[in-house]
Amino acid sequence: MRVHRTERAVAAARGLRRGELAGLRWVDLSLETAELNVVEQLVHVGWKLVLFPPKSAASRRTVALDSETVRLLRRHERDRRAEKIRRGEAWDDREHVFTRPDGAAVAPDYLSYRFHRLVRRSGLPPVRLHDLRHGAVTLALAAHVDLPVVQDQVGHAGIVLTADTYTSVLPELHHRAAGATARLVLSAARGTARKVLRGRCGWMTHPCPRP
């Protein structure tokens, strides 16, 4: 179950596609710097699993990791190493981060199936593995992360794609931005008014009213 949890954490927190999750190798991951590099994706071609370059040039990217995801990945790494020692020669040593129990590469379709099974057992409404990617973007935007940063995080080819896909989230952010801008302008205006009033009072003989 830890494998499932770690897969979900990376998908939900950083918005990786399922082929990117399946193709992620330990060599592409640096837990010391809390980063992972998306350089390949695993794709089903007939009955074979084949590594291909990412979906687009923009999809080839470096993704920053939060401390909780790093913690889960460290524990996952320890579990995989212990399982590798236990299985010995039976271990399929391809060095993928997310694998089957014997270390073999896991198909993207199987990741979706495994996630669907967990959702069904939980009794939650139907949610696809790919929906975690959308959730990651939505939460990032709701946390006031700049749109270009979100675009880079998920590997969209252009910022228009990010904006068009998540138009339902952006109006709320625009209203928040408008409110924040208005508060800043009003604060600056009050400060300017106080300065002007103090300047005028310097020429007066009687006390000046408080602004």
C-alpha atoms as a PDB file:
ATOM      1  CA  MET A   1       0.000   0.000   0.000  1.00  0.00           C
ATOM      2  CA  ARG A   2       2.947   2.341   0.500  1.00  0.00           C
ATOM      3  CA  VAL A   3       3.693   2.130  -3.227  1.00  0.00           C
ATOM      4  CA  HIS A   4       0.144   3.238  -3.977  1.00  0.00           C
ATOM      5  CA  ARG A   5       0.389   6.082  -1.516  1.00  0.00           C
ATOM      6  CA  THR A   6       3.665   7.370  -2.941  1.00  0.00           C
ATOM      7  CA  GLU A   7       2.373   7.212  -6.505  1.00  0.00           C
ATOM      8  CA  ARG A   8      -0.685   9.195  -5.481  1.00  0.00           C
ATOM      9  CA  ALA A   9       1.417  11.720  -3.586  1.00  0.00           C
ATOM     10  CA  VAL A  10       3.637  12.491  -6.583  1.00  0.00           C
ATOM     11  CA  ALA A  11       0.671  12.633  -8.956  1.00  0.00           C
ATOM     12  CA  ALA A  12      -1.456  14.755  -6.647  1.00  0.00           C
ATOM     13  CA  ALA A  13       1.264  17.122  -5.448  1.00  0.00           C
ATOM     14  CA  ARG A  14       3.203  17.671  -8.673  1.00  0.00           C
ATOM     15  CA  GLY A  15       0.810  16.674 -11.452  1.00  0.00           C
ATOM     16  CA  LEU A  16       2.852  14.064 -13.331  1.00  0.00           C
ATOM     17  CA  ARG A  17       1.156  12.171 -16.143  1.00  0.00           C
ATOM     18  CA  ARG A  18       0.754   8.426 -15.616  1.00  0.00           C
ATOM     19  CA  GLY A  19       3.315   7.599 -18.339  1.00  0.00           C
ATOM     20  CA  GLU A  20       5.758   9.947 -16.610  1.00  0.00           C
ATOM     21  CA  LEU A  21       5.116   8.218 -13.276  1.00  0.00           C
ATOM     22  CA  ALA A  22       5.691   4.800 -14.842  1.00  0.00           C
ATOM     23  CA  GLY A  23       8.854   5.939 -16.645  1.00  0.00           C
ATOM     24  CA  LEU A  24      10.432   7.691 -13.661  1.00  0.00           C
ATOM     25  CA  ARG A  25      13.774   6.130 -12.625  1.00  0.00           C
ATOM     26  CA  TRP A  26      15.830   6.625  -9.505  1.00  0.00           C
ATOM     27  CA  VAL A  27      18.578   8.243 -11.578  1.00  0.00           C
ATOM     28  CA  ASP A  28      16.057  10.965 -12.526  1.00  0.00           C
ATOM     29  CA  LEU A  29      15.305  11.705  -8.883  1.00  0.00           C
ATOM     30  CA  SER A  30      17.364  13.723  -6.395  1.00  0.00           C
ATOM     31  CA  LEU A  31      15.955  13.595  -2.892  1.00  0.00           C
ATOM     32  CA  GLU A  32      18.879  15.704  -1.636  1.00  0.00           C
ATOM     33  CA  THR A  33      17.863  18.665  -3.792  1.00  0.00           C
ATOM     34  CA  ALA A  34      14.136  17.733  -3.668  1.00  0.00           C
ATOM     35  CA  GLU A  35      13.785  17.579  -7.441  1.00  0.00           C
ATOM     36  CA  LEU A  36      12.847  15.087 -10.112  1.00  0.00           C
ATOM     37  CA  ASN A  37      13.576  15.261 -13.828  1.00  0.00           C
ATOM     38  CA  VAL A  38      10.950  14.188 -16.322  1.00  0.00           C
ATOM     39  CA  VAL A  39      13.054  12.843 -19.192  1.00  0.00           C
ATOM     40  CA  GLU A  40      11.102   9.759 -20.309  1.00  0.00           C
ATOM     41  CA  GLN A  41       7.645   8.267 -20.290  1.00  0.00           C
ATOM     42  CA  LEU A  42       6.660   4.616 -20.424  1.00  0.00           C
ATOM     43  CA  VAL A  43       4.219   3.751 -23.213  1.00  0.00           C
ATOM     44  CA  HIS A  44       2.495   0.519 -24.196  1.00  0.00           C
ATOM     45  CA  VAL A  45       3.321  -0.425 -27.799  1.00  0.00           C
ATOM     46  CA  GLY A  46       1.389  -3.586 -28.526  1.00  0.00           C
ATOM     47  CA  TRP A  47       2.330  -5.970 -25.718  1.00  0.00           C
ATOM     48  CA  LYS A  48       5.604  -4.223 -24.947  1.00  0.00           C
ATOM     49  CA  LEU A  49       6.413  -1.344 -22.622  1.00  0.00           C
ATOM     50  CA  VAL A  50       8.682   1.128 -24.386  1.00  0.00           C
ATOM     51  CA  LEU A  51      10.429   4.248 -23.081  1.00  0.00           C
ATOM     52  CA  PHE A  52       9.793   7.322 -25.194  1.00  0.00           C
ATOM     53  CA  PRO A  53      10.711  10.989 -24.830  1.00  0.00           C
ATOM     54  CA  PRO A  54       8.091  13.080 -23.004  1.00  0.00           C
ATOM     55  CA  LYS A  55       4.940  14.253 -24.745  1.00  0.00           C
ATOM     56  CA  SER A  56       6.506  17.549 -25.880  1.00  0.00           C
ATOM     57  CA  ALA A  57       9.650  19.600 -25.427  1.00  0.00           C
ATOM     58  CA  ALA A  58       7.926  21.462 -22.585  1.00  0.00           C
ATOM     59  CA  SER A  59       7.129  18.141 -20.902  1.00  0.00           C
ATOM     60  CA  ARG A  60      10.856  17.526 -20.448  1.00  0.00           C
ATOM     61  CA  ARG A  61      11.218  19.431 -17.204  1.00  0.00           C
ATOM     62  CA  THR A  62      12.553  19.618 -13.653  1.00  0.00           C
ATOM     63  CA  VAL A  63       9.891  19.416 -10.956  1.00  0.00           C
ATOM     64  CA  ALA A  64      10.450  20.676  -7.398  1.00  0.00           C
ATOM     65  CA  LEU A  65       9.231  18.433  -4.581  1.00  0.00           C
ATOM     66  CA  ASP A  66       7.718  19.388  -1.247  1.00  0.00           C
ATOM     67  CA  SER A  67       9.110  17.986   2.003  1.00  0.00           C
ATOM     68  CA  GLU A  68       6.235  15.517   2.581  1.00  0.00           C
ATOM     69  CA  THR A  69       6.619  13.994  -0.895  1.00  0.00           C
ATOM     70  CA  VAL A  70      10.382  13.706  -0.330  1.00  0.00           C
ATOM     71  CA  ARG A  71       9.710  11.925   2.965  1.00  0.00           C
ATOM     72  CA  LEU A  72       7.384   9.428   1.267  1.00  0.00           C
ATOM     73  CA  LEU A  73       9.884   8.823  -1.542  1.00  0.00           C
ATOM     74  CA  ARG A  74      12.698   8.182   0.945  1.00  0.00           C
ATOM     75  CA  ARG A  75      10.579   5.589   2.717  1.00  0.00           C
ATOM     76  CA  HIS A  76       9.563   4.107  -0.628  1.00  0.00           C
ATOM     77  CA  GLU A  77      13.248   3.859  -1.618  1.00  0.00           C
ATOM     78  CA  ARG A  78      14.051   1.984   1.602  1.00  0.00           C
ATOM     79  CA  ASP A  79      11.154  -0.410   0.989  1.00  0.00           C
ATOM     80  CA  ARG A  80      12.281  -1.095  -2.597  1.00  0.00           C
ATOM     81  CA  ARG A  81      15.861  -1.763  -1.514  1.00  0.00           C
ATOM     82  CA  ALA A  82      14.691  -4.190   1.164  1.00  0.00           C
ATOM     83  CA  GLU A  83      12.460  -5.985  -1.349  1.00  0.00           C
ATOM     84  CA  LYS A  84      15.335  -6.155  -3.846  1.00  0.00           C
ATOM     85  CA  ILE A  85      17.563  -7.836  -1.232  1.00  0.00           C
ATOM     86  CA  ARG A  86      14.782 -10.231  -0.249  1.00  0.00           C
ATOM     87  CA  ARG A  87      14.087 -11.362  -3.816  1.00  0.00           C
ATOM     88  CA  GLY A  88      17.708 -11.569  -4.937  1.00  0.00           C
ATOM     89  CA  GLU A  89      18.064 -12.744  -8.554  1.00  0.00           C
ATOM     90  CA  ALA A  90      14.282 -12.745  -8.986  1.00  0.00           C
ATOM     91  CA  TRP A  91      14.299  -8.946  -8.819  1.00  0.00           C
ATOM     92  CA  ASP A  92      13.848  -7.175 -12.171  1.00  0.00           C
ATOM     93  CA  ASP A  93      16.563  -4.528 -11.818  1.00  0.00           C
ATOM     94  CA  ARG A  94      15.460  -1.783 -14.216  1.00  0.00           C
ATOM     95  CA  GLU A  95      15.651   0.931 -11.555  1.00  0.00           C
ATOM     96  CA  HIS A  96      12.174   2.365 -12.019  1.00  0.00           C
ATOM     97  CA  VAL A  97      10.763   4.206  -9.026  1.00  0.00           C
ATOM     98  CA  PHE A  98       7.283   2.708  -9.252  1.00  0.00           C
ATOM     99  CA  THR A  99       7.207  -0.981 -10.117  1.00  0.00           C
ATOM    100  CA  ARG A 100       5.387  -4.254  -9.730  1.00  0.00           C
ATOM    101  CA  PRO A 101       6.219  -6.286  -6.589  1.00  0.00           C
ATOM    102  CA  ASP A 102       9.139  -7.991  -8.391  1.00  0.00           C
ATOM    103  CA  GLY A 103      10.714  -4.726  -9.583  1.00  0.00           C
ATOM    104  CA  ALA A 104       9.408  -4.990 -13.151  1.00  0.00           C
ATOM    105  CA  ALA A 105       8.231  -1.861 -14.938  1.00  0.00           C
ATOM    106  CA  VAL A 106       4.585  -1.077 -14.371  1.00  0.00           C
ATOM    107  CA  ALA A 107       2.286  -0.213 -17.270  1.00  0.00           C
ATOM    108  CA  PRO A 108       0.491   3.157 -17.168  1.00  0.00           C
ATOM    109  CA  ASP A 109      -2.814   1.314 -17.643  1.00  0.00           C
ATOM    110  CA  TYR A 110      -2.043  -0.769 -14.562  1.00  0.00           C
ATOM    111  CA  LEU A 111      -1.394   2.373 -12.532  1.00  0.00           C
ATOM    112  CA  SER A 112      -4.863   3.583 -13.539  1.00  0.00           C
ATOM    113  CA  TYR A 113      -6.406   0.217 -12.699  1.00  0.00           C
ATOM    114  CA  ARG A 114      -4.714   0.107  -9.306  1.00  0.00           C
ATOM    115  CA  PHE A 115      -5.846   3.634  -8.501  1.00  0.00           C
ATOM    116  CA  HIS A 116      -9.415   2.869  -9.638  1.00  0.00           C
ATOM    117  CA  ARG A 117      -9.504  -0.170  -7.370  1.00  0.00           C
ATOM    118  CA  LEU A 118      -8.371   1.911  -4.361  1.00  0.00           C
ATOM    119  CA  VAL A 119     -10.974   4.588  -5.070  1.00  0.00           C
ATOM    120  CA  ARG A 120     -13.716   1.975  -5.373  1.00  0.00           C
ATOM    121  CA  ARG A 121     -12.695   0.385  -2.059  1.00  0.00           C
ATOM    122  CA  SER A 122     -12.702   3.778  -0.344  1.00  0.00           C
ATOM    123  CA  GLY A 123     -16.306   4.434  -1.326  1.00  0.00           C
ATOM    124  CA  LEU A 124     -15.420   7.837  -2.774  1.00  0.00           C
ATOM    125  CA  PRO A 125     -17.017   9.185  -5.970  1.00  0.00           C
ATOM    126  CA  PRO A 126     -15.309   7.996  -9.177  1.00  0.00           C
ATOM    127  CA  VAL A 127     -11.951   9.719  -9.675  1.00  0.00           C
ATOM    128  CA  ARG A 128      -9.388   8.913 -12.358  1.00  0.00           C
ATOM    129  CA  LEU A 129      -5.650   8.874 -11.791  1.00  0.00           C
ATOM    130  CA  HIS A 130      -5.369  11.664 -14.365  1.00  0.00           C
ATOM    131  CA  ASP A 131      -7.741  13.758 -12.247  1.00  0.00           C
ATOM    132  CA  LEU A 132      -4.959  14.048  -9.654  1.00  0.00           C
ATOM    133  CA  ARG A 133      -2.982  16.007 -12.255  1.00  0.00           C
ATOM    134  CA  HIS A 134      -5.872  18.437 -12.655  1.00  0.00           C
ATOM    135  CA  GLY A 135      -6.175  18.642  -8.889  1.00  0.00           C
ATOM    136  CA  ALA A 136      -2.493  19.526  -8.558  1.00  0.00           C
ATOM    137  CA  VAL A 137      -2.877  22.447 -10.960  1.00  0.00           C
ATOM    138  CA  THR A 138      -6.088  23.647  -9.320  1.00  0.00           C
ATOM    139  CA  LEU A 139      -4.535  23.605  -5.859  1.00  0.00           C
ATOM    140  CA  ALA A 140      -1.406  25.387  -7.096  1.00  0.00           C
ATOM    141  CA  LEU A 141      -3.504  28.149  -8.645  1.00  0.00           C
ATOM    142  CA  ALA A 142      -5.656  28.391  -5.522  1.00  0.00           C
ATOM    143  CA  ALA A 143      -2.418  28.785  -3.528  1.00  0.00           C
ATOM    144  CA  HIS A 144      -1.628  31.868  -5.667  1.00  0.00           C
ATOM    145  CA  VAL A 145       1.230  30.209  -7.572  1.00  0.00           C
ATOM    146  CA  ASP A 146       2.000  32.252 -10.682  1.00  0.00           C
ATOM    147  CA  LEU A 147       0.548  30.849 -13.898  1.00  0.00           C
ATOM    148  CA  PRO A 148       3.950  30.509 -15.668  1.00  0.00           C
ATOM    149  CA  VAL A 149       5.264  28.495 -12.695  1.00  0.00           C
ATOM    150  CA  VAL A 150       2.252  26.168 -12.854  1.00  0.00           C
ATOM    151  CA  GLN A 151       2.745  25.810 -16.600  1.00  0.00           C
ATOM    152  CA  ASP A 152       6.352  24.702 -16.074  1.00  0.00           C
ATOM    153  CA  GLN A 153       5.355  22.365 -13.240  1.00  0.00           C
ATOM    154  CA  VAL A 154       2.963  20.313 -15.370  1.00  0.00           C
ATOM    155  CA  GLY A 155       4.821  20.643 -18.673  1.00  0.00           C
ATOM    156  CA  HIS A 156       2.217  22.441 -20.755  1.00  0.00           C
ATOM    157  CA  ALA A 157       3.522  23.583 -24.127  1.00  0.00           C
ATOM    158  CA  GLY A 158       2.097  27.088 -23.684  1.00  0.00           C
ATOM    159  CA  ILE A 159       0.627  29.264 -20.984  1.00  0.00           C
ATOM    160  CA  VAL A 160      -2.581  29.635 -23.019  1.00  0.00           C
ATOM    161  CA  LEU A 161      -3.211  25.902 -22.621  1.00  0.00           C
ATOM    162  CA  THR A 162      -2.876  26.190 -18.837  1.00  0.00           C
ATOM    163  CA  ALA A 163      -5.141  29.236 -18.692  1.00  0.00           C
ATOM    164  CA  ASP A 164      -7.759  27.781 -21.054  1.00  0.00           C
ATOM    165  CA  THR A 165      -7.865  24.429 -19.253  1.00  0.00           C
ATOM    166  CA  TYR A 166      -8.321  25.956 -15.817  1.00  0.00           C
ATOM    167  CA  THR A 167     -10.553  28.916 -16.609  1.00  0.00           C
ATOM    168  CA  SER A 168     -12.953  27.821 -13.840  1.00  0.00           C
ATOM    169  CA  VAL A 169     -10.247  28.492 -11.237  1.00  0.00           C
ATOM    170  CA  LEU A 170      -8.816  31.682 -12.687  1.00  0.00           C
ATOM    171  CA  PRO A 171     -11.814  34.037 -12.106  1.00  0.00           C
ATOM    172  CA  GLU A 172     -11.562  33.500  -8.339  1.00  0.00           C
ATOM    173  CA  LEU A 173      -7.852  34.257  -8.514  1.00  0.00           C
ATOM    174  CA  HIS A 174      -8.506  37.400 -10.546  1.00  0.00           C
ATOM    175  CA  HIS A 175     -10.967  38.615  -7.903  1.00  0.00           C
ATOM    176  CA  ARG A 176      -8.411  37.946  -5.166  1.00  0.00           C
ATOM    177  CA  ALA A 177      -5.782  39.800  -7.180  1.00  0.00           C
ATOM    178  CA  ALA A 178      -8.166  42.731  -7.672  1.00  0.00           C
ATOM    179  CA  GLY A 179      -8.851  42.895  -3.940  1.00  0.00           C
ATOM    180  CA  ALA A 180      -5.155  42.680  -3.065  1.00  0.00           C
ATOM    181  CA  THR A 181      -4.305  45.393  -5.604  1.00  0.00           C
ATOM    182  CA  ALA A 182      -7.071  47.654  -4.275  1.00  0.00           C
ATOM    183  CA  ARG A 183      -5.847  47.248  -0.692  1.00  0.00           C
ATOM    184  CA  LEU A 184      -2.309  48.119  -1.781  1.00  0.00           C
ATOM    185  CA  VAL A 185      -3.470  51.212  -3.694  1.00  0.00           C
ATOM    186  CA  LEU A 186      -5.659  52.402  -0.812  1.00  0.00           C
ATOM    187  CA  SER A 187      -2.843  51.885   1.664  1.00  0.00           C
ATOM    188  CA  ALA A 188      -0.466  53.914  -0.526  1.00  0.00           C
ATOM    189  CA  ALA A 189      -3.096  56.629  -0.967  1.00  0.00           C
ATOM    190  CA  ARG A 190      -3.644  56.933   2.791  1.00  0.00           C
ATOM    191  CA  GLY A 191       0.106  57.185   3.341  1.00  0.00           C
ATOM    192  CA  THR A 192       0.383  59.928   0.730  1.00  0.00           C
ATOM    193  CA  ALA A 193      -2.573  61.794   2.244  1.00  0.00           C
ATOM    194  CA  ARG A 194      -0.969  61.742   5.690  1.00  0.00           C
ATOM    195  CA  LYS A 195       2.291  63.115   4.276  1.00  0.00           C
ATOM    196  CA  VAL A 196       0.476  65.932   2.462  1.00  0.00           C
ATOM    197  CA  LEU A 197      -1.550  66.775   5.561  1.00  0.00           C
ATOM    198  CA  ARG A 198       1.565  66.882   7.751  1.00  0.00           C
ATOM    199  CA  GLY A 199       3.219  69.183   5.240  1.00  0.00           C
ATOM    200  CA  ARG A 200       0.306  71.586   5.327  1.00  0.00           C
ATOM    201  CA  CYS A 201       0.139  71.550   9.105  1.00  0.00           C
ATOM    202  CA  GLY A 202       3.735  72.665   9.307  1.00  0.00           C
ATOM    203  CA  TRP A 203       2.654  76.059   8.009  1.00  0.00           C
ATOM    204  CA  MET A 204      -0.287  76.336  10.417  1.00  0.00           C
ATOM    205  CA  THR A 205      -0.297  77.851  13.904  1.00  0.00           C
ATOM    206  CA  HIS A 206      -3.233  75.761  15.117  1.00  0.00           C
ATOM    207  CA  PRO A 207      -3.249  71.962  15.637  1.00  0.00           C
ATOM    208  CA  CYS A 208      -3.957  69.908  12.546  1.00  0.00           C
ATOM    209  CA  PRO A 209      -6.799  67.348  12.616  1.00  0.00           C
ATOM    210  CA  ARG A 210      -5.852  63.692  12.574  1.00  0.00           C
ATOM    211  CA  PRO A 211      -6.264  62.105   9.139  1.00  0.00           C
END
